[in-house]
Structures are given as structure tokens and as C-alpha cells.
Amino acid sequence: MTKSATDVMQEIIVSAVLDSFVALKAASKGLPNSLLRDLNAIHANTTFGDLPDEVQKTVAASVRAGFSRLLKEGYSVAPATAAREERRPAPAGQGPRGSGPRSGGQGRGPRPGGGPGGRPGGSGRPGGGGRKPPRRSGS
């Protein structure tokens, strides 16, 4: 039976966390005060570069192993844009993007409602909108 993506990801993350703990212990070289100092230095705003070298190497190896495991389990790993394009079927009667009746910057024709620019009372100019500037009280 195949595992769900959630189960696989949980196993990958737990393994990475445990490997990171072991790497933190190794970075302290068996000195409890160093281990405590390294643990206290980790907080919500800690970046990858702030971690000890041993932990950085372990995290990098865990990420590589995690992606390899996902691929081995049969899941695809791709950028989000590639996955969206892959899933989206082409509309009926149209080929790839850029072809079809709307290519070339042509609009759909006049908008319902009449008036210049397709808007009732519109001026037909970009940004015109038919509004008059405010009147100034003059002397």
C-alpha cells in the first residue's frame, strides 16, 4: 500500500529534526554549556546561516534526501508554475497560449451599455471616465 503525501512528509520532517538534534550535539563537542548556548541561540527568526556548520550540512543533506524520497515514492516535485500549467486543460477550440481569436491585443468588441468607450456617458479616453474637474471658487 502506498503512503499518503502527508505521511511521507511527516516522516521526512521528523527525520530531519532528529538529524539536526544529533548535529547540534556534535557541534557542541560534548560540552554541555556549548550545547545549551547553541540551543538558546535558536529562535523563530534564526536563519539558515545562523546555525552551526554541522547543522547546516545536516539540513542540506536532509532536504536532498527528502526530495529523493518523494520522487522514489512516486510524487512529482516541480515548481508551482509548472504544476499549474500541467493540470490546466486547454480551452476547447484553442491551441496553446497566444493563439486564438483574442491574440494580437484585440478586444471583444463594444461593451454593452452604449456610449463612447463602451460605458454609458463615457468619454472614450483612457482615464477620462466622464468626470469633470472640481469647480474652483473664483474671485
N, C-alpha and C. Protein backbone atom coordinates (compact mmCIF):
# COMPACT_ATOMS: atom_id res chain seq x y z
N MET A 1 0.84 -1.18 0.00
CA MET A 1 0.00 0.00 0.00
C MET A 1 0.88 1.24 0.00
N THR A 2 0.54 2.22 -0.82
CA THR A 2 1.34 3.43 -0.89
C THR A 2 0.97 4.36 0.25
N LYS A 3 1.93 5.16 0.66
CA LYS A 3 1.71 6.12 1.74
C LYS A 3 1.20 7.42 1.16
N SER A 4 0.41 8.13 1.96
CA SER A 4 -0.07 9.43 1.51
C SER A 4 1.08 10.44 1.56
N ALA A 5 0.93 11.52 0.83
CA ALA A 5 1.96 12.56 0.82
C ALA A 5 2.17 13.13 2.21
N THR A 6 1.11 13.22 2.99
CA THR A 6 1.22 13.73 4.36
C THR A 6 2.09 12.82 5.21
N ASP A 7 1.87 11.52 5.11
CA ASP A 7 2.68 10.56 5.88
C ASP A 7 4.15 10.63 5.49
N VAL A 8 4.41 10.71 4.20
CA VAL A 8 5.79 10.77 3.72
C VAL A 8 6.45 12.05 4.22
N MET A 9 5.75 13.19 4.11
CA MET A 9 6.32 14.47 4.56
C MET A 9 6.57 14.47 6.06
N GLN A 10 5.65 13.89 6.84
CA GLN A 10 5.87 13.83 8.29
C GLN A 10 7.11 13.02 8.61
N GLU A 11 7.30 11.88 7.94
CA GLU A 11 8.49 11.07 8.19
C GLU A 11 9.76 11.81 7.80
N ILE A 12 9.70 12.55 6.68
CA ILE A 12 10.87 13.32 6.23
C ILE A 12 11.21 14.41 7.24
N ILE A 13 10.21 15.13 7.72
CA ILE A 13 10.46 16.24 8.66
C ILE A 13 10.95 15.71 10.00
N VAL A 14 10.33 14.65 10.51
CA VAL A 14 10.79 14.09 11.79
C VAL A 14 12.23 13.63 11.68
N SER A 15 12.57 12.98 10.58
CA SER A 15 13.95 12.53 10.37
C SER A 15 14.91 13.71 10.32
N ALA A 16 14.51 14.79 9.63
CA ALA A 16 15.38 15.97 9.54
C ALA A 16 15.57 16.63 10.90
N VAL A 17 14.51 16.69 11.70
CA VAL A 17 14.63 17.29 13.04
C VAL A 17 15.54 16.46 13.93
N LEU A 18 15.35 15.15 13.89
CA LEU A 18 16.21 14.29 14.72
C LEU A 18 17.67 14.37 14.27
N ASP A 19 17.90 14.39 12.97
CA ASP A 19 19.28 14.54 12.47
C ASP A 19 19.87 15.87 12.91
N SER A 20 19.05 16.92 12.96
CA SER A 20 19.53 18.24 13.39
C SER A 20 19.91 18.23 14.86
N PHE A 21 19.14 17.50 15.69
CA PHE A 21 19.50 17.40 17.11
C PHE A 21 20.84 16.71 17.28
N VAL A 22 21.03 15.64 16.54
CA VAL A 22 22.31 14.91 16.61
C VAL A 22 23.44 15.83 16.16
N ALA A 23 23.21 16.64 15.10
CA ALA A 23 24.24 17.56 14.61
C ALA A 23 24.53 18.66 15.64
N LEU A 24 23.49 19.12 16.34
CA LEU A 24 23.73 20.12 17.41
C LEU A 24 24.60 19.54 18.51
N LYS A 25 24.33 18.30 18.88
CA LYS A 25 25.16 17.65 19.90
C LYS A 25 26.60 17.53 19.41
N ALA A 26 26.77 17.17 18.15
CA ALA A 26 28.12 17.02 17.59
C ALA A 26 28.82 18.38 17.54
N ALA A 27 28.08 19.44 17.24
CA ALA A 27 28.69 20.77 17.16
C ALA A 27 29.18 21.25 18.52
N SER A 28 28.55 20.77 19.59
CA SER A 28 28.97 21.20 20.94
C SER A 28 30.19 20.44 21.42
N LYS A 29 30.60 19.41 20.69
CA LYS A 29 31.77 18.59 21.01
C LYS A 29 31.71 18.02 22.43
N GLY A 30 30.49 17.65 22.86
CA GLY A 30 30.31 17.01 24.15
C GLY A 30 30.32 17.95 25.33
N LEU A 31 30.39 19.25 25.10
CA LEU A 31 30.38 20.23 26.19
C LEU A 31 28.95 20.71 26.43
N PRO A 32 28.40 20.44 27.61
CA PRO A 32 27.01 20.80 27.88
C PRO A 32 26.74 22.31 27.76
N ASN A 33 27.71 23.12 28.19
CA ASN A 33 27.49 24.57 28.11
C ASN A 33 27.42 25.05 26.66
N SER A 34 28.23 24.46 25.79
CA SER A 34 28.17 24.82 24.37
C SER A 34 26.84 24.39 23.75
N LEU A 35 26.39 23.20 24.11
CA LEU A 35 25.11 22.73 23.60
C LEU A 35 23.98 23.65 24.05
N LEU A 36 23.99 24.02 25.31
CA LEU A 36 22.97 24.92 25.84
C LEU A 36 23.03 26.28 25.16
N ARG A 37 24.23 26.79 24.93
CA ARG A 37 24.38 28.08 24.25
C ARG A 37 23.84 28.00 22.82
N ASP A 38 24.16 26.90 22.11
CA ASP A 38 23.67 26.74 20.73
C ASP A 38 22.15 26.61 20.69
N LEU A 39 21.60 25.87 21.64
CA LEU A 39 20.14 25.73 21.69
C LEU A 39 19.46 27.07 21.99
N ASN A 40 20.01 27.81 22.91
CA ASN A 40 19.41 29.11 23.26
C ASN A 40 19.55 30.13 22.14
N ALA A 41 20.50 29.92 21.25
CA ALA A 41 20.69 30.86 20.13
C ALA A 41 19.67 30.64 19.03
N ILE A 42 18.95 29.52 19.06
CA ILE A 42 17.95 29.23 18.03
C ILE A 42 16.61 29.78 18.49
N HIS A 43 16.00 30.61 17.63
CA HIS A 43 14.70 31.21 17.92
C HIS A 43 13.93 31.34 16.63
N ALA A 44 12.76 31.94 16.67
CA ALA A 44 11.88 32.00 15.49
C ALA A 44 12.50 32.75 14.31
N ASN A 45 13.38 33.69 14.57
CA ASN A 45 13.98 34.48 13.49
C ASN A 45 15.37 33.99 13.09
N THR A 46 15.75 32.81 13.53
CA THR A 46 17.05 32.26 13.17
C THR A 46 17.05 31.90 11.69
N THR A 47 18.10 32.30 11.00
CA THR A 47 18.23 31.96 9.58
C THR A 47 19.15 30.75 9.43
N PHE A 48 19.16 30.21 8.23
CA PHE A 48 20.00 29.05 7.95
C PHE A 48 21.46 29.36 8.24
N GLY A 49 21.90 30.55 7.90
CA GLY A 49 23.30 30.95 8.11
C GLY A 49 23.67 31.10 9.57
N ASP A 50 22.68 31.27 10.45
CA ASP A 50 22.95 31.42 11.89
C ASP A 50 23.21 30.08 12.56
N LEU A 51 22.86 29.00 11.92
CA LEU A 51 23.04 27.67 12.53
C LEU A 51 24.50 27.24 12.45
N PRO A 52 24.94 26.39 13.39
CA PRO A 52 26.31 25.86 13.32
C PRO A 52 26.53 25.09 12.00
N ASP A 53 27.76 25.04 11.55
CA ASP A 53 28.09 24.41 10.27
C ASP A 53 27.61 22.96 10.19
N GLU A 54 27.76 22.22 11.28
CA GLU A 54 27.32 20.82 11.27
C GLU A 54 25.83 20.72 11.02
N VAL A 55 25.06 21.61 11.62
CA VAL A 55 23.60 21.60 11.45
C VAL A 55 23.24 22.02 10.02
N GLN A 56 23.95 23.02 9.47
CA GLN A 56 23.69 23.43 8.09
C GLN A 56 23.90 22.27 7.13
N LYS A 57 25.01 21.55 7.31
CA LYS A 57 25.28 20.40 6.43
C LYS A 57 24.22 19.33 6.58
N THR A 58 23.77 19.09 7.81
CA THR A 58 22.75 18.07 8.06
C THR A 58 21.42 18.47 7.44
N VAL A 59 21.04 19.74 7.58
CA VAL A 59 19.77 20.21 7.00
C VAL A 59 19.82 20.09 5.47
N ALA A 60 20.94 20.48 4.88
CA ALA A 60 21.08 20.38 3.42
C ALA A 60 20.96 18.92 2.97
N ALA A 61 21.60 18.02 3.69
CA ALA A 61 21.52 16.60 3.34
C ALA A 61 20.10 16.07 3.54
N SER A 62 19.42 16.53 4.58
CA SER A 62 18.04 16.09 4.83
C SER A 62 17.09 16.57 3.74
N VAL A 63 17.30 17.78 3.25
CA VAL A 63 16.45 18.31 2.17
C VAL A 63 16.66 17.49 0.91
N ARG A 64 17.92 17.22 0.56
CA ARG A 64 18.20 16.40 -0.63
C ARG A 64 17.57 15.02 -0.48
N ALA A 65 17.74 14.41 0.69
CA ALA A 65 17.17 13.09 0.92
C ALA A 65 15.65 13.12 0.89
N GLY A 66 15.07 14.19 1.39
CA GLY A 66 13.60 14.32 1.38
C GLY A 66 13.05 14.39 -0.03
N PHE A 67 13.67 15.20 -0.89
CA PHE A 67 13.21 15.28 -2.28
C PHE A 67 13.41 13.95 -2.99
N SER A 68 14.53 13.30 -2.74
CA SER A 68 14.78 12.00 -3.36
C SER A 68 13.73 10.98 -2.92
N ARG A 69 13.37 11.02 -1.65
CA ARG A 69 12.38 10.08 -1.15
C ARG A 69 11.00 10.35 -1.76
N LEU A 70 10.64 11.63 -1.89
CA LEU A 70 9.37 11.94 -2.53
C LEU A 70 9.32 11.41 -3.95
N LEU A 71 10.41 11.60 -4.69
CA LEU A 71 10.46 11.09 -6.06
C LEU A 71 10.38 9.57 -6.09
N LYS A 72 11.09 8.93 -5.14
CA LYS A 72 11.09 7.47 -5.08
C LYS A 72 9.69 6.93 -4.76
N GLU A 73 8.94 7.66 -3.93
CA GLU A 73 7.59 7.23 -3.55
C GLU A 73 6.59 7.50 -4.67
N GLY A 74 7.02 8.19 -5.73
CA GLY A 74 6.14 8.41 -6.87
C GLY A 74 5.50 9.79 -6.94
N TYR A 75 5.89 10.70 -6.06
CA TYR A 75 5.34 12.05 -6.10
C TYR A 75 6.21 12.91 -7.00
N SER A 76 5.58 13.86 -7.68
CA SER A 76 6.38 14.74 -8.54
C SER A 76 6.75 15.99 -7.76
N VAL A 77 7.94 16.46 -7.99
CA VAL A 77 8.44 17.67 -7.34
C VAL A 77 8.80 18.64 -8.45
N ALA A 78 8.04 19.74 -8.55
CA ALA A 78 8.24 20.71 -9.62
C ALA A 78 7.88 22.09 -9.10
N PRO A 79 8.37 23.13 -9.76
CA PRO A 79 7.95 24.48 -9.38
C PRO A 79 6.44 24.63 -9.51
N ALA A 80 5.84 25.48 -8.71
CA ALA A 80 4.39 25.63 -8.68
C ALA A 80 3.83 26.04 -10.04
N THR A 81 4.54 26.88 -10.79
CA THR A 81 4.02 27.32 -12.08
C THR A 81 3.96 26.16 -13.06
N ALA A 82 4.93 25.28 -13.03
CA ALA A 82 4.92 24.13 -13.94
C ALA A 82 3.78 23.18 -13.59
N ALA A 83 3.52 23.01 -12.31
CA ALA A 83 2.44 22.11 -11.89
C ALA A 83 1.09 22.67 -12.29
N ARG A 84 0.89 23.98 -12.16
CA ARG A 84 -0.38 24.59 -12.53
C ARG A 84 -0.63 24.47 -14.03
N GLU A 85 0.39 24.73 -14.85
CA GLU A 85 0.23 24.65 -16.29
C GLU A 85 -0.04 23.22 -16.73
N GLU A 86 0.55 22.27 -16.04
CA GLU A 86 0.38 20.88 -16.39
C GLU A 86 -1.05 20.43 -16.16
N ARG A 87 -1.67 20.88 -15.08
CA ARG A 87 -3.01 20.45 -14.72
C ARG A 87 -4.10 21.16 -15.51
N ARG A 88 -3.85 22.37 -15.96
CA ARG A 88 -4.88 23.17 -16.61
C ARG A 88 -5.07 22.71 -18.05
N PRO A 89 -6.29 22.20 -18.39
CA PRO A 89 -6.52 21.79 -19.78
C PRO A 89 -6.73 23.02 -20.66
N ALA A 90 -6.38 22.88 -21.95
CA ALA A 90 -6.55 23.98 -22.89
C ALA A 90 -8.04 24.13 -23.19
N PRO A 91 -8.54 25.37 -23.32
CA PRO A 91 -9.95 25.56 -23.66
C PRO A 91 -10.26 24.93 -25.01
N ALA A 92 -11.48 24.46 -25.16
CA ALA A 92 -11.88 23.79 -26.40
C ALA A 92 -11.79 24.76 -27.57
N GLY A 93 -11.24 24.30 -28.66
CA GLY A 93 -11.15 25.11 -29.87
C GLY A 93 -9.97 26.06 -29.91
N GLN A 94 -9.13 26.05 -28.90
CA GLN A 94 -7.97 26.94 -28.90
C GLN A 94 -6.72 26.11 -28.72
N GLY A 95 -5.66 26.58 -29.34
CA GLY A 95 -4.38 25.91 -29.22
C GLY A 95 -3.63 26.45 -28.02
N PRO A 96 -2.31 26.46 -28.08
CA PRO A 96 -1.51 26.99 -26.98
C PRO A 96 -1.74 28.47 -26.80
N ARG A 97 -1.31 28.99 -25.66
CA ARG A 97 -1.50 30.41 -25.37
C ARG A 97 -0.95 31.28 -26.48
N GLY A 98 -1.63 32.38 -26.70
CA GLY A 98 -1.16 33.32 -27.71
C GLY A 98 -1.83 33.08 -29.04
N SER A 99 -2.53 31.97 -29.21
CA SER A 99 -3.24 31.74 -30.46
C SER A 99 -4.73 31.81 -30.16
N GLY A 100 -5.50 31.96 -31.16
CA GLY A 100 -6.94 32.01 -30.95
C GLY A 100 -7.46 33.39 -31.29
N PRO A 101 -8.74 33.59 -31.09
CA PRO A 101 -9.37 34.81 -31.55
C PRO A 101 -8.94 36.07 -30.80
N ARG A 102 -8.43 35.96 -29.58
CA ARG A 102 -8.10 37.15 -28.81
C ARG A 102 -6.65 37.57 -28.90
N SER A 103 -5.82 36.86 -29.63
CA SER A 103 -4.42 37.24 -29.68
C SER A 103 -4.25 38.51 -30.50
N GLY A 104 -3.18 39.19 -30.31
CA GLY A 104 -2.91 40.41 -31.05
C GLY A 104 -3.46 41.64 -30.39
N GLY A 105 -3.92 41.52 -29.16
CA GLY A 105 -4.38 42.68 -28.42
C GLY A 105 -5.78 43.13 -28.79
N GLN A 106 -6.52 42.34 -29.55
CA GLN A 106 -7.87 42.73 -29.93
C GLN A 106 -8.82 42.48 -28.77
N GLY A 107 -9.74 43.39 -28.60
CA GLY A 107 -10.73 43.24 -27.54
C GLY A 107 -11.88 42.37 -28.00
N ARG A 108 -12.92 42.33 -27.22
CA ARG A 108 -14.08 41.52 -27.54
C ARG A 108 -15.13 42.31 -28.30
N GLY A 109 -14.84 43.51 -28.66
CA GLY A 109 -15.84 44.33 -29.34
C GLY A 109 -16.43 45.33 -28.37
N PRO A 110 -17.46 46.03 -28.80
CA PRO A 110 -18.04 47.06 -27.93
C PRO A 110 -18.70 46.43 -26.71
N ARG A 111 -18.64 47.14 -25.62
CA ARG A 111 -19.26 46.67 -24.39
C ARG A 111 -20.74 47.03 -24.42
N PRO A 112 -21.54 46.21 -23.76
CA PRO A 112 -22.95 46.56 -23.70
C PRO A 112 -23.15 47.82 -22.87
N GLY A 113 -24.13 48.60 -23.20
CA GLY A 113 -24.40 49.81 -22.43
C GLY A 113 -24.24 51.05 -23.28
N GLY A 114 -23.67 50.92 -24.46
CA GLY A 114 -23.55 52.04 -25.38
C GLY A 114 -22.58 53.09 -24.90
N GLY A 115 -22.59 54.21 -25.59
CA GLY A 115 -21.71 55.32 -25.22
C GLY A 115 -20.32 55.08 -25.73
N PRO A 116 -19.55 56.16 -25.89
CA PRO A 116 -18.17 56.01 -26.35
C PRO A 116 -17.36 55.22 -25.34
N GLY A 117 -16.51 54.37 -25.81
CA GLY A 117 -15.65 53.57 -24.92
C GLY A 117 -16.40 52.42 -24.30
N GLY A 118 -17.67 52.21 -24.71
CA GLY A 118 -18.43 51.10 -24.18
C GLY A 118 -19.06 51.37 -22.84
N ARG A 119 -18.92 52.58 -22.30
CA ARG A 119 -19.51 52.90 -21.00
C ARG A 119 -20.58 53.96 -21.21
N PRO A 120 -21.68 53.86 -20.52
CA PRO A 120 -22.69 54.90 -20.64
C PRO A 120 -22.11 56.24 -20.20
N GLY A 121 -22.17 57.21 -21.06
CA GLY A 121 -21.68 58.54 -20.72
C GLY A 121 -20.18 58.65 -20.66
N GLY A 122 -19.46 57.62 -21.08
CA GLY A 122 -18.00 57.64 -21.00
C GLY A 122 -17.41 58.52 -22.07
N SER A 123 -16.18 58.94 -21.87
CA SER A 123 -15.55 59.84 -22.82
C SER A 123 -14.78 59.10 -23.90
N GLY A 124 -14.53 57.82 -23.69
CA GLY A 124 -13.76 57.06 -24.66
C GLY A 124 -12.27 57.23 -24.50
N ARG A 125 -11.83 58.14 -23.63
CA ARG A 125 -10.39 58.34 -23.40
C ARG A 125 -9.95 57.49 -22.23
N PRO A 126 -8.72 56.99 -22.26
CA PRO A 126 -8.22 56.27 -21.09
C PRO A 126 -8.14 57.21 -19.91
N GLY A 127 -8.72 56.83 -18.81
CA GLY A 127 -8.67 57.64 -17.61
C GLY A 127 -9.64 58.80 -17.64
N GLY A 128 -10.38 58.96 -18.76
CA GLY A 128 -11.32 60.07 -18.88
C GLY A 128 -12.50 59.89 -17.96
N GLY A 129 -13.12 58.76 -18.04
CA GLY A 129 -14.18 58.40 -17.12
C GLY A 129 -15.38 59.32 -17.12
N GLY A 130 -15.36 60.42 -17.85
CA GLY A 130 -16.50 61.31 -17.91
C GLY A 130 -16.65 62.25 -16.73
N ARG A 131 -15.71 62.24 -15.80
CA ARG A 131 -15.82 63.12 -14.63
C ARG A 131 -15.27 64.50 -14.98
N LYS A 132 -15.94 65.49 -14.44
CA LYS A 132 -15.47 66.86 -14.64
C LYS A 132 -14.58 67.24 -13.47
N PRO A 133 -13.56 68.08 -13.70
CA PRO A 133 -12.75 68.51 -12.57
C PRO A 133 -13.57 69.38 -11.64
N PRO A 134 -13.22 69.42 -10.34
CA PRO A 134 -13.99 70.23 -9.39
C PRO A 134 -13.90 71.71 -9.74
N ARG A 135 -15.00 72.41 -9.49
CA ARG A 135 -15.02 73.86 -9.76
C ARG A 135 -14.27 74.60 -8.69
N ARG A 136 -13.57 75.59 -9.11
CA ARG A 136 -12.86 76.44 -8.16
C ARG A 136 -13.69 77.68 -7.93
N SER A 137 -13.75 78.05 -6.70
CA SER A 137 -14.47 79.30 -6.41
C SER A 137 -13.53 80.44 -6.74
N GLY A 138 -13.97 81.24 -7.68
CA GLY A 138 -13.07 82.31 -8.14
C GLY A 138 -13.47 83.66 -7.61
N SER A 139 -12.66 84.65 -7.85
CA SER A 139 -12.99 85.99 -7.42
C SER A 139 -13.41 86.84 -8.57
